[in-house]
Protein backbone atom coordinates (compact mmCIF):
# COMPACT_ATOMS: atom_id res chain seq x y z
CA MET A 1 46.57 105.72 111.46
CA GLN A 2 50.14 106.56 112.23
CA HIS A 3 52.36 105.97 115.22
CA GLN A 4 55.11 108.52 115.66
CA SER A 5 57.13 106.46 118.17
CA HIS A 6 58.89 104.10 115.77
CA ASP A 7 62.48 105.09 115.27
CA THR A 8 64.10 101.85 114.22
CA LEU A 9 67.03 101.89 111.84
CA GLY A 10 67.57 98.65 109.93
CA LEU A 11 70.55 98.04 107.67
CA ILE A 12 71.28 95.16 105.31
CA VAL A 13 74.69 94.75 103.69
CA LEU A 14 75.39 92.29 100.88
CA ASP A 15 79.07 91.87 100.05
CA GLY A 16 79.69 89.13 97.52
CA ASP A 17 78.63 85.86 99.15
CA ASP A 18 78.19 87.38 102.62
CA ILE A 19 75.13 89.14 103.97
CA SER A 20 74.46 90.70 107.33
CA CYS A 21 71.95 92.98 108.95
CA GLY A 22 71.65 95.12 112.01
CA VAL A 23 68.88 96.97 113.78
CA SER A 24 69.02 99.88 116.21
CA THR A 25 66.09 101.34 118.09
CA SER A 26 65.38 103.27 121.23
CA GLY A 27 62.29 101.14 121.57
CA MET A 28 58.82 101.92 122.75
CA PRO A 29 58.41 105.02 124.95
CA ASN A 30 57.43 104.43 128.59
CA LYS A 31 58.32 100.75 128.35
CA HIS A 32 58.57 98.54 131.42
CA PRO A 33 62.09 98.24 132.86
CA GLY A 34 63.82 95.20 131.39
CA ARG A 35 61.53 94.95 128.37
CA VAL A 36 63.28 93.51 125.34
CA GLY A 37 61.61 94.42 122.06
CA ASP A 38 61.61 92.68 118.71
CA SER A 39 64.58 94.57 117.22
CA ALA A 40 67.19 92.71 119.23
CA LEU A 41 65.73 89.25 118.71
CA PRO A 42 66.87 87.31 115.63
CA GLY A 43 63.88 86.20 113.60
CA ASN A 44 61.73 89.07 114.79
CA GLY A 45 63.42 92.42 114.13
CA LEU A 46 66.21 91.02 111.98
CA TYR A 47 67.46 87.84 110.36
CA ALA A 48 70.18 86.94 107.85
CA ASP A 49 71.12 83.65 106.18
CA VAL A 50 73.65 83.37 103.33
CA THR A 51 71.46 80.75 101.66
CA GLY A 52 68.55 83.18 101.27
CA GLY A 53 69.15 86.78 102.23
CA ALA A 54 68.26 89.14 105.05
CA ALA A 55 65.32 91.09 106.44
CA CYS A 56 64.82 93.87 109.00
CA CYS A 57 61.54 94.98 110.58
CA SER A 58 60.23 98.05 112.37
CA GLY A 59 56.86 98.76 113.91
CA ASP A 60 54.77 97.60 116.81
CA GLY A 61 57.42 95.44 118.45
CA ASP A 62 55.24 93.68 121.01
CA PHE A 63 52.92 92.62 118.19
CA ILE A 64 55.78 91.69 115.82
CA LEU A 65 57.17 89.30 118.45
CA LYS A 66 54.21 86.98 117.87
CA PHE A 67 55.08 86.30 114.23
CA CYS A 68 58.90 86.13 113.64
CA PRO A 69 58.46 88.09 110.39
CA ALA A 70 62.15 88.58 109.56
CA PHE A 71 62.75 84.83 109.76
CA HIS A 72 59.62 84.14 107.70
CA VAL A 73 60.71 86.57 104.95
CA VAL A 74 64.16 84.96 104.71
CA GLN A 75 62.61 81.49 104.51
CA LEU A 76 60.53 82.70 101.55
CA LEU A 77 63.68 84.14 99.94
CA LYS A 78 65.31 80.71 100.32
CA GLN A 79 62.31 79.26 98.43
CA GLY A 80 62.99 81.64 95.52
CA LYS A 81 60.47 84.39 96.27
CA GLU A 82 61.51 87.90 95.30
CA PRO A 83 62.05 90.24 98.30
CA LYS A 84 59.00 92.45 97.70
CA GLU A 85 56.77 89.40 97.24
CA ALA A 86 58.16 87.77 100.41
CA CYS A 87 57.46 90.93 102.45
CA LYS A 88 53.94 91.14 101.06
CA ILE A 89 53.24 87.46 101.86
CA VAL A 90 54.43 87.86 105.46
CA ILE A 91 52.37 91.01 106.06
CA SER A 92 49.31 89.35 104.52
CA ASP A 93 49.80 86.33 106.79
CA MET A 94 50.06 88.60 109.85
CA LYS A 95 46.89 90.46 108.84
CA ASN A 96 45.03 87.16 108.32
CA ARG A 97 46.04 85.95 111.78
CA SER A 98 45.01 89.11 113.66
CA SER A 99 42.03 91.42 113.68
CA ASP A 100 44.03 94.16 115.45
CA TYR A 101 45.53 97.10 113.58
CA PHE A 102 49.33 97.03 113.69
CA GLU A 103 52.23 98.77 112.05
CA ILE A 104 55.12 96.96 110.48
CA SER A 105 57.62 97.84 107.79
CA ILE A 106 59.98 95.23 106.39
CA ILE A 107 63.05 95.60 104.18
CA ALA A 108 64.61 92.55 102.54
CA VAL A 109 67.54 91.71 100.26
CA ASN A 110 68.20 88.37 98.57
CA MET A 111 71.61 86.96 97.66
CA LYS A 112 71.27 88.31 94.09
CA GLY A 113 71.16 91.85 95.47
CA GLU A 114 67.47 92.32 94.71
CA TYR A 115 65.66 94.30 97.38
CA GLY A 116 62.07 94.88 98.36
CA THR A 117 59.88 96.20 101.11
CA GLY A 118 56.42 95.85 102.55
CA THR A 119 54.48 97.93 105.04
CA THR A 120 51.18 98.61 106.74
CA VAL A 121 52.21 102.24 107.32
CA GLU A 122 49.93 104.67 105.48
CA SER A 123 52.07 107.74 106.08
CA TRP A 124 55.16 108.77 107.97
CA LYS A 125 56.02 112.26 109.14
CA ASP A 126 59.72 113.04 109.34
CA PRO A 127 60.36 114.36 112.88
CA LEU A 128 63.39 116.32 111.65
CA GLU A 129 61.52 118.00 108.80
CA LYS A 130 58.16 119.03 110.26
CA ASP A 131 56.60 119.70 106.85
CA LYS A 132 57.80 116.46 105.23
CA THR A 133 55.26 113.63 105.17
CA TYR A 134 55.79 110.45 103.17
CA ASN A 135 52.93 108.42 101.74
CA GLY A 136 53.97 105.06 103.08
CA PHE A 137 57.30 103.94 104.48
CA PRO A 138 60.52 105.70 103.36
CA TYR A 139 63.70 103.68 102.93
CA VAL A 140 67.13 104.26 101.43
CA VAL A 141 68.90 102.15 98.80
CA TRP A 142 72.54 102.34 97.79
CA THR A 143 73.75 99.57 95.48
CA SER A 144 76.86 99.12 93.38
CA GLY A 145 76.77 101.34 90.34
CA MET A 146 74.90 104.12 92.19
CA ASP A 147 76.82 107.33 92.88
CA GLU A 148 74.81 108.11 95.99
CA PRO A 149 71.96 106.74 98.12
CA VAL A 150 68.37 107.19 96.95
CA CYS A 151 65.34 107.59 99.20
CA LEU A 152 62.35 105.56 98.00
CA CYS A 153 58.91 105.06 99.46
CA GLN A 154 56.85 101.88 99.80
CA GLU A 155 53.13 102.41 99.96
CA THR A 156 50.91 100.22 102.12
CA SER A 157 50.99 96.52 101.21
CA THR A 158 47.60 95.02 100.50
């Protein structure tokens, strides 16, 4: 199952001992006037803490609001979990607490510069390239030592 309405852009920047993140989204189509989605709310769509790292989320915002996944991921990073493991733990916890299907993709970076992702997205079709479909959730990485950004893909977290 795939929702085509998610258009969130999450960005995490680690610069020495500082880390920050930002999220931009046009939100859910046909939303009620005044609705505030998860992207703008720290702990839900984004969260950063220099003692652990940062995380950004995209997906079914009204569902994500129930779980504070970005905060949860960063707390796991503070406990020493690697970013990919932290994302997987949070998604597993969300699945265990709900019988409903939902979409979420999480990116995370710890203070060592290690990054990881997790997702429930099985495939994603690029709206700008009609023939381009990704198996899973595409994300871009650009770290020191790289000449240019690289697009990677995270398959569904189990």
